Amino acid sequence: MKRSATLGSLFLAFVASAASACGGSPAAEPAVPEPPPAAPEAPVASETPAPKPAPEPTPPTPEEKKKAEQERKLQEDRAKLEADHKAEVARWTPELRAEAKALADKNFPTGKAAITAALASKVRQPGNADRDKYRNPLGTLEFFGFKPSMTVIEYSPGGGYYTELLAPALAKRGKLIVTNSDPNGPADSRSSYYGQRVKLLLDRSPELFGKVQTVIVDSKVPSLGIENKADLIVVMRELHGMQNAGTLDAWLAEFNKALKPGGVLGIEEHRANRDADPVESAKHGYMPETYVIEKAEAAGFKLAGMSEINANAKDTKDHPAGVWTLPPSFALKDKDRDKYASIGESDRMTLKFVKEKKIDLKPGEAKASGKVSPAKKAD
């Protein structure tokens, strides 16, 4: 019995010694590794409706197309104006300025002498002399009774064809007043462009245009602010615009007011066929002659003469782009250009009226048969 106890003790001591030798305690059950964390569930994509196709752009209206074309043409004209102005500035050499000063300082005895000298001068813009055969400036101004001692109003000078003749002719003893639209108006306005064109012309040569007086007007609100001061008012190719704007009667009344008693209103205008409707023909740049006479007489003028100096029998007056189809505009550009060049500039009436009496009309009114009635507006 004693021997068995001793053997048990020895066995236990052996086990303890073996465990100590291995550096650890008796082996335990191996630990079960924890499972890796579960991957997060992918979000379920929400079902979104497919994007709707972009709506088709609304096509521009005829009015929008017209406006866009007008803006394009205005930008084109501005670019050309700037280029032409630069070329003109470069053309004005000291020698040319000296010639302009000598021309403006000369005391001309007659209107014919003054206009003849201006026509022959090198100060004229390139190309203007080529138009003399169509515009007949000497004969036209003689018909109106032009004298170098007059006070003359030129309504809307345009490119300055007549201005460069009248300015030196009147510089010594007379006076030239030109109307102009506001050159500082909105940049997208055609009237502002016209105002800038005239201003550039007048600023280009103080020697030639330094004595010219400018009156800023709004063509839609007829007013000159001048009364009984002018001997002669010249209105060249402008009546159709007044008719289209519905201001013809009011402008004729203003011209009557600005003239001295017995003063002359000289009109040159593209002539429509005798039976033409003035409302429709004016849209194409032409006016019936009898209608113009009727309107002027209703505004207090008396017809003093009719001239065929600017007539042109070749003008059929049925051109695709109206009167602007013809030179100098050539609205169709190169299309049938030779055809329209062979016709030349338009057939035009040339009328001389004398201020018979003063007629005070409110804008938009016309006097006829002793009664005042609303003027017919162009569409």
Protein backbone atom coordinates (compact mmCIF):
# COMPACT_ATOMS: atom_id res chain seq x y z
CA MET A 1 0.00 0.00 0.00
CA LYS A 2 2.82 2.34 0.87
CA ARG A 3 4.53 1.47 -2.41
CA SER A 4 1.41 2.47 -4.47
CA ALA A 5 1.20 5.87 -2.78
CA THR A 6 4.82 6.51 -3.55
CA LEU A 7 4.34 5.65 -7.22
CA GLY A 8 1.34 8.01 -7.49
CA SER A 9 3.34 10.82 -5.98
CA LEU A 10 6.18 10.25 -8.39
CA PHE A 11 3.79 10.28 -11.37
CA LEU A 12 2.29 13.59 -10.32
CA ALA A 13 5.73 15.09 -9.82
CA PHE A 14 6.76 13.95 -13.29
CA VAL A 15 3.76 15.53 -14.94
CA ALA A 16 4.36 18.83 -13.14
CA SER A 17 8.01 18.77 -14.08
CA ALA A 18 7.18 18.16 -17.76
CA ALA A 19 4.70 21.01 -17.81
CA SER A 20 7.26 23.34 -16.21
CA ALA A 21 9.86 22.36 -18.72
CA CYS A 22 7.51 23.27 -21.60
CA GLY A 23 7.03 26.77 -20.10
CA GLY A 24 3.32 26.59 -19.71
CA SER A 25 0.46 25.22 -17.84
CA PRO A 26 -1.28 22.07 -18.72
CA ALA A 27 -2.76 22.20 -22.30
CA ALA A 28 -6.30 23.42 -22.56
CA GLU A 29 -8.80 23.02 -25.36
CA PRO A 30 -7.83 25.10 -28.41
CA ALA A 31 -9.84 28.36 -28.79
CA VAL A 32 -12.27 28.47 -31.65
CA PRO A 33 -11.50 31.59 -33.83
CA GLU A 34 -14.28 34.15 -34.08
CA PRO A 35 -15.88 34.42 -37.55
CA PRO A 36 -14.93 37.57 -39.56
CA PRO A 37 -17.46 40.40 -39.45
CA ALA A 38 -20.12 40.08 -42.05
CA ALA A 39 -19.71 42.38 -45.07
CA PRO A 40 -22.27 45.19 -45.11
CA GLU A 41 -25.14 44.56 -47.38
CA ALA A 42 -25.00 46.47 -50.66
CA PRO A 43 -27.64 49.17 -50.79
CA VAL A 44 -30.54 48.34 -53.01
CA ALA A 45 -30.57 50.76 -55.95
CA SER A 46 -33.69 52.83 -56.01
CA GLU A 47 -35.63 52.69 -59.23
CA THR A 48 -35.49 56.20 -60.87
CA PRO A 49 -37.43 57.08 -64.01
CA ALA A 50 -35.40 57.52 -67.21
CA PRO A 51 -34.76 61.20 -68.06
CA LYS A 52 -37.23 62.70 -70.47
CA PRO A 53 -35.81 63.79 -73.82
CA ALA A 54 -35.17 67.53 -74.13
CA PRO A 55 -38.03 69.32 -75.84
CA GLU A 56 -37.46 70.40 -79.41
CA PRO A 57 -36.46 74.10 -79.57
CA THR A 58 -39.28 76.36 -80.61
CA PRO A 59 -38.63 77.65 -84.12
CA PRO A 60 -38.22 81.44 -84.28
CA THR A 61 -41.25 83.43 -85.30
CA PRO A 62 -41.17 85.54 -88.47
CA GLU A 63 -40.80 88.62 -86.25
CA GLU A 64 -37.81 87.08 -84.45
CA LYS A 65 -36.22 86.13 -87.76
CA LYS A 66 -36.70 89.66 -89.03
CA LYS A 67 -35.20 91.15 -85.88
CA ALA A 68 -32.20 88.80 -86.04
CA GLU A 69 -31.60 89.73 -89.67
CA GLN A 70 -31.84 93.43 -88.83
CA GLU A 71 -29.29 93.01 -86.04
CA ARG A 72 -26.95 91.11 -88.34
CA LYS A 73 -27.24 93.78 -91.02
CA LEU A 74 -26.67 96.56 -88.47
CA GLN A 75 -23.47 94.91 -87.24
CA GLU A 76 -22.32 94.52 -90.83
CA ASP A 77 -23.04 98.18 -91.56
CA ARG A 78 -21.23 99.31 -88.40
CA ALA A 79 -18.15 97.35 -89.38
CA LYS A 80 -18.19 98.90 -92.84
CA LEU A 81 -18.72 102.38 -91.39
CA GLU A 82 -15.68 101.96 -89.14
CA ALA A 83 -13.52 100.72 -92.02
CA ASP A 84 -14.67 103.53 -94.33
CA HIS A 85 -14.03 106.13 -91.63
CA LYS A 86 -10.48 104.91 -91.07
CA ALA A 87 -9.83 105.08 -94.80
CA GLU A 88 -11.27 108.62 -94.98
CA VAL A 89 -9.20 109.84 -92.02
CA ALA A 90 -6.10 108.53 -93.76
CA ARG A 91 -7.13 110.29 -96.99
CA TRP A 92 -7.29 113.71 -95.34
CA THR A 93 -3.73 114.83 -95.87
CA PRO A 94 -2.53 118.34 -94.95
CA GLU A 95 -2.83 119.25 -98.63
CA LEU A 96 -6.47 118.14 -98.74
CA ARG A 97 -7.24 120.09 -95.56
CA ALA A 98 -5.70 123.18 -97.08
CA GLU A 99 -7.90 122.74 -100.18
CA ALA A 100 -11.00 122.34 -97.99
CA LYS A 101 -10.19 125.53 -96.08
CA ALA A 102 -9.64 127.52 -99.27
CA LEU A 103 -12.96 126.25 -100.67
CA ALA A 104 -14.88 127.18 -97.52
CA ASP A 105 -13.22 130.62 -97.32
CA LYS A 106 -14.16 131.60 -100.86
CA ASN A 107 -16.85 134.20 -101.43
CA PHE A 108 -18.96 132.79 -104.28
CA PRO A 109 -21.06 135.27 -106.28
CA THR A 110 -23.80 132.80 -107.23
CA GLY A 111 -25.18 129.44 -106.19
CA LYS A 112 -24.09 127.96 -109.50
CA ALA A 113 -20.49 129.09 -108.96
CA ALA A 114 -20.45 127.72 -105.42
CA ILE A 115 -21.85 124.29 -106.28
CA THR A 116 -19.68 123.99 -109.40
CA ALA A 117 -16.55 124.60 -107.32
CA ALA A 118 -17.65 122.08 -104.68
CA LEU A 119 -18.38 119.46 -107.34
CA ALA A 120 -14.87 119.82 -108.77
CA SER A 121 -13.10 119.64 -105.42
CA LYS A 122 -11.00 116.69 -104.28
CA VAL A 123 -12.54 116.92 -100.80
CA ARG A 124 -15.55 114.90 -101.93
CA GLN A 125 -15.84 111.35 -100.68
CA PRO A 126 -14.64 108.69 -103.13
CA GLY A 127 -17.48 107.46 -105.32
CA ASN A 128 -19.75 110.47 -104.89
CA ALA A 129 -18.68 112.08 -108.13
CA ASP A 130 -19.74 108.89 -109.94
CA ARG A 131 -23.31 109.53 -108.79
CA ASP A 132 -23.52 113.05 -110.21
CA LYS A 133 -24.92 111.83 -113.52
CA TYR A 134 -27.87 110.31 -111.64
CA ARG A 135 -28.38 112.90 -108.91
CA ASN A 136 -27.82 116.07 -110.97
CA PRO A 137 -26.98 118.21 -107.92
CA LEU A 138 -26.19 121.44 -109.75
CA GLY A 139 -29.42 121.47 -111.77
CA THR A 140 -31.48 120.30 -108.79
CA LEU A 141 -30.23 123.04 -106.46
CA GLU A 142 -30.56 125.68 -109.19
CA PHE A 143 -34.17 124.58 -109.66
CA PHE A 144 -34.77 125.10 -105.93
CA GLY A 145 -33.29 128.62 -106.21
CA PHE A 146 -30.20 127.97 -104.11
CA LYS A 147 -27.98 130.98 -103.23
CA PRO A 148 -24.76 131.02 -101.15
CA SER A 149 -26.27 133.63 -98.81
CA MET A 150 -29.21 131.46 -97.73
CA THR A 151 -29.98 129.72 -94.46
CA VAL A 152 -30.53 126.13 -95.60
CA ILE A 153 -31.87 123.17 -93.64
CA GLU A 154 -30.91 119.74 -94.95
CA TYR A 155 -33.17 117.10 -93.50
CA SER A 156 -31.37 113.81 -92.73
CA PRO A 157 -28.10 114.09 -94.70
CA GLY A 158 -27.62 110.32 -95.02
CA GLY A 159 -24.11 109.63 -96.30
CA GLY A 160 -23.43 113.32 -96.84
CA TYR A 161 -23.69 113.52 -100.63
CA TYR A 162 -25.34 116.95 -100.56
CA THR A 163 -23.75 118.05 -97.28
CA GLU A 164 -20.25 118.13 -98.76
CA LEU A 165 -21.57 120.43 -101.50
CA LEU A 166 -23.74 122.72 -99.37
CA ALA A 167 -21.29 123.17 -96.48
CA PRO A 168 -18.50 124.94 -98.40
CA ALA A 169 -20.99 126.78 -100.62
CA LEU A 170 -22.66 128.35 -97.56
CA ALA A 171 -19.62 128.69 -95.27
CA LYS A 172 -18.75 132.30 -96.14
CA ARG A 173 -22.08 134.10 -96.33
CA GLY A 174 -24.83 131.62 -95.53
CA LYS A 175 -25.68 128.94 -93.00
CA LEU A 176 -26.22 125.20 -93.21
CA ILE A 177 -28.32 123.39 -90.60
CA VAL A 178 -28.52 119.60 -90.78
CA THR A 179 -30.82 117.36 -88.82
CA ASN A 180 -29.41 114.23 -87.24
CA SER A 181 -30.57 111.43 -85.00
CA ASP A 182 -28.86 110.98 -81.63
CA PRO A 183 -25.43 109.39 -82.22
CA ASN A 184 -25.31 108.43 -78.53
CA GLY A 185 -28.54 106.45 -78.63
CA PRO A 186 -28.86 102.68 -78.03
CA ALA A 187 -26.13 100.67 -79.74
CA ASP A 188 -28.70 98.28 -81.25
CA SER A 189 -30.68 101.12 -82.80
CA ARG A 190 -30.49 101.83 -86.50
CA SER A 191 -31.17 105.53 -85.84
CA SER A 192 -28.09 105.68 -83.59
CA TYR A 193 -26.03 104.25 -86.44
CA TYR A 194 -27.32 106.96 -88.78
CA GLY A 195 -26.47 109.59 -86.16
CA GLN A 196 -22.94 108.27 -85.80
CA ARG A 197 -22.46 108.24 -89.56
CA VAL A 198 -23.32 111.93 -89.87
CA LYS A 199 -21.25 112.87 -86.82
CA LEU A 200 -18.18 111.08 -88.18
CA LEU A 201 -18.63 112.93 -91.47
CA LEU A 202 -18.83 116.36 -89.82
CA ASP A 203 -15.98 115.69 -87.36
CA ARG A 204 -13.69 114.50 -90.14
CA SER A 205 -12.96 117.96 -91.51
CA PRO A 206 -13.45 121.08 -89.38
CA GLU A 207 -12.10 123.02 -92.37
CA LEU A 208 -15.09 121.97 -94.47
CA PHE A 209 -17.86 121.36 -91.92
CA GLY A 210 -16.82 123.52 -88.97
CA LYS A 211 -19.66 126.03 -89.46
CA VAL A 212 -22.42 123.46 -89.95
CA GLN A 213 -25.08 123.51 -87.22
CA THR A 214 -26.59 120.19 -86.14
CA VAL A 215 -30.11 119.78 -84.77
CA ILE A 216 -30.77 116.44 -83.05
CA VAL A 217 -34.26 115.16 -83.90
CA ASP A 218 -36.35 112.08 -83.29
CA SER A 219 -37.80 111.10 -86.65
CA LYS A 220 -40.84 109.61 -84.88
CA VAL A 221 -41.56 112.83 -82.97
CA PRO A 222 -41.37 115.60 -85.58
CA SER A 223 -39.85 118.77 -84.13
CA LEU A 224 -37.14 121.10 -85.41
CA GLY A 225 -37.38 123.83 -82.79
CA ILE A 226 -36.91 126.39 -85.58
CA GLU A 227 -39.42 129.02 -86.65
CA ASN A 228 -39.33 131.47 -89.58
CA LYS A 229 -35.53 131.20 -90.05
CA ALA A 230 -34.86 129.11 -93.15
CA ASP A 231 -34.81 130.29 -96.76
CA LEU A 232 -34.64 126.76 -98.16
CA ILE A 233 -35.30 123.27 -96.81
CA VAL A 234 -34.12 120.32 -98.89
CA VAL A 235 -35.61 116.88 -98.31
CA MET A 236 -33.90 114.32 -100.49
CA ARG A 237 -35.42 110.80 -100.75
CA GLU A 238 -36.94 110.89 -97.28
CA LEU A 239 -40.72 111.17 -97.67
CA HIS A 240 -41.33 107.42 -97.97
CA GLY A 241 -39.79 106.94 -94.52
CA MET A 242 -42.11 109.57 -93.07
CA GLN A 243 -45.08 107.90 -94.73
CA ASN A 244 -44.09 104.51 -93.33
CA ALA A 245 -43.73 106.00 -89.84
CA GLY A 246 -47.04 107.87 -90.05
CA THR A 247 -45.30 111.25 -89.56
CA LEU A 248 -45.47 112.79 -93.04
CA ASP A 249 -48.11 115.42 -92.19
CA ALA A 250 -46.37 116.42 -88.97
CA TRP A 251 -42.97 116.82 -90.66
CA LEU A 252 -44.44 118.92 -93.47
CA ALA A 253 -46.01 121.16 -90.81
CA GLU A 254 -42.60 121.48 -89.10
CA PHE A 255 -40.95 122.44 -92.40
CA ASN A 256 -43.64 125.05 -92.94
CA LYS A 257 -43.03 126.48 -89.47
CA ALA A 258 -39.23 126.62 -89.92
CA LEU A 259 -39.34 128.50 -93.24
CA LYS A 260 -39.54 132.24 -93.62
CA PRO A 261 -42.63 133.53 -95.45
CA GLY A 262 -41.99 132.78 -99.12
CA GLY A 263 -39.32 130.23 -98.22
CA VAL A 264 -38.82 127.16 -100.42
CA LEU A 265 -39.30 123.47 -99.66
CA GLY A 266 -37.33 121.40 -102.18
CA ILE A 267 -38.31 117.74 -102.45
CA GLU A 268 -36.61 114.93 -104.34
CA GLU A 269 -38.39 111.59 -103.94
CA HIS A 270 -38.56 108.17 -105.60
CA ARG A 271 -41.67 108.32 -107.81
CA ALA A 272 -44.27 105.55 -107.73
CA ASN A 273 -46.67 104.80 -110.55
CA ARG A 274 -49.49 107.31 -110.86
CA ASP A 275 -52.19 104.95 -109.53
CA ALA A 276 -50.09 103.47 -106.69
CA ASP A 277 -51.42 103.22 -103.14
CA PRO A 278 -49.07 105.46 -101.11
CA VAL A 279 -49.28 103.20 -98.05
CA GLU A 280 -48.11 100.19 -100.05
CA SER A 281 -45.70 101.93 -102.42
CA ALA A 282 -43.89 103.67 -99.54
CA LYS A 283 -42.90 100.26 -98.16
CA HIS A 284 -40.90 99.80 -101.38
CA GLY A 285 -39.41 103.30 -101.21
CA TYR A 286 -41.69 104.99 -103.76
CA MET A 287 -44.36 107.71 -103.42
CA PRO A 288 -47.05 108.85 -105.90
CA GLU A 289 -46.31 112.38 -107.09
CA THR A 290 -49.91 113.63 -106.87
CA TYR A 291 -50.14 112.38 -103.29
CA VAL A 292 -46.97 114.29 -102.29
CA ILE A 293 -48.32 117.48 -103.86
CA GLU A 294 -51.64 117.05 -102.09
CA LYS A 295 -49.95 116.55 -98.72
CA ALA A 296 -47.61 119.53 -99.13
CA GLU A 297 -50.44 121.84 -100.15
CA ALA A 298 -52.47 120.68 -97.16
CA ALA A 299 -49.54 121.74 -94.96
CA GLY A 300 -49.64 125.33 -96.26
CA PHE A 301 -47.35 125.12 -99.30
CA LYS A 302 -47.99 126.14 -102.87
CA LEU A 303 -46.51 124.13 -105.74
CA ALA A 304 -44.10 126.47 -107.54
CA GLY A 305 -42.51 124.09 -110.01
CA MET A 306 -41.98 120.50 -111.19
CA SER A 307 -38.78 119.27 -112.84
CA GLU A 308 -37.94 116.07 -114.69
CA ILE A 309 -34.21 116.53 -114.13
CA ASN A 310 -34.09 113.36 -111.99
CA ALA A 311 -36.51 111.27 -114.04
CA ASN A 312 -35.51 107.79 -115.20
CA ALA A 313 -37.80 106.00 -117.65
CA LYS A 314 -35.83 102.75 -117.24
CA ASP A 315 -37.03 102.34 -113.66
CA THR A 316 -39.93 99.85 -113.73
CA LYS A 317 -40.53 100.28 -109.97
CA ASP A 318 -41.29 96.58 -109.43
CA HIS A 319 -37.93 95.36 -108.13
CA PRO A 320 -37.60 92.44 -105.66
CA ALA A 321 -36.14 94.59 -102.86
CA GLY A 322 -37.92 97.79 -103.77
CA VAL A 323 -35.97 100.88 -104.72
CA TRP A 324 -33.01 99.54 -102.74
CA THR A 325 -32.50 96.94 -105.48
CA LEU A 326 -31.08 99.71 -107.64
CA PRO A 327 -27.77 101.52 -107.23
CA PRO A 328 -26.27 102.72 -105.02
CA SER A 329 -27.75 100.22 -102.51
CA PHE A 330 -27.73 97.02 -104.64
CA ALA A 331 -29.73 95.18 -101.98
CA LEU A 332 -29.43 91.90 -103.90
CA LYS A 333 -25.64 92.32 -103.96
CA ASP A 334 -24.22 90.41 -106.95
CA LYS A 335 -27.52 88.92 -108.11
CA ASP A 336 -28.45 90.54 -111.45
CA ARG A 337 -26.12 93.40 -110.55
CA ASP A 338 -25.35 94.29 -114.17
CA LYS A 339 -29.08 94.44 -114.92
CA TYR A 340 -29.79 96.92 -112.14
CA ALA A 341 -26.63 98.91 -112.79
CA SER A 342 -27.82 99.41 -116.37
CA ILE A 343 -31.08 100.89 -115.06
CA GLY A 344 -29.24 103.35 -112.86
CA GLU A 345 -30.69 105.19 -109.89
CA SER A 346 -34.44 105.50 -109.43
CA ASP A 347 -37.02 107.56 -111.27
CA ARG A 348 -37.58 110.61 -109.04
CA MET A 349 -39.91 113.56 -108.79
CA THR A 350 -38.29 116.94 -108.13
CA LEU A 351 -40.75 119.43 -106.67
CA LYS A 352 -40.46 123.06 -105.55
CA PHE A 353 -42.93 124.39 -102.99
CA VAL A 354 -43.22 127.88 -101.54
CA LYS A 355 -44.50 128.60 -98.05
CA GLU A 356 -47.86 130.20 -98.71
CA LYS A 357 -49.17 130.29 -95.17
CA LYS A 358 -48.41 128.81 -91.79
CA ILE A 359 -50.41 125.72 -90.85
CA ASP A 360 -50.31 124.51 -87.26
CA LEU A 361 -51.08 120.79 -87.10
CA LYS A 362 -50.87 118.42 -84.21
CA PRO A 363 -48.75 115.32 -84.91
CA GLY A 364 -50.82 112.72 -86.75
CA GLU A 365 -53.25 115.23 -88.29
CA ALA A 366 -53.64 116.38 -91.87
CA LYS A 367 -55.59 119.30 -93.22
CA ALA A 368 -57.77 118.60 -96.24
CA SER A 369 -60.82 120.45 -97.65
CA GLY A 370 -60.88 122.69 -94.61
CA LYS A 371 -61.31 119.75 -92.23
CA VAL A 372 -58.78 118.15 -89.96
CA SER A 373 -58.77 114.36 -90.08
CA PRO A 374 -56.42 111.65 -88.80
CA ALA A 375 -53.56 110.88 -91.13
CA LYS A 376 -53.48 107.41 -92.62
CA LYS A 377 -50.72 105.35 -91.08
CA ALA A 378 -48.57 102.88 -92.91
CA ASP A 379 -48.71 99.28 -91.76
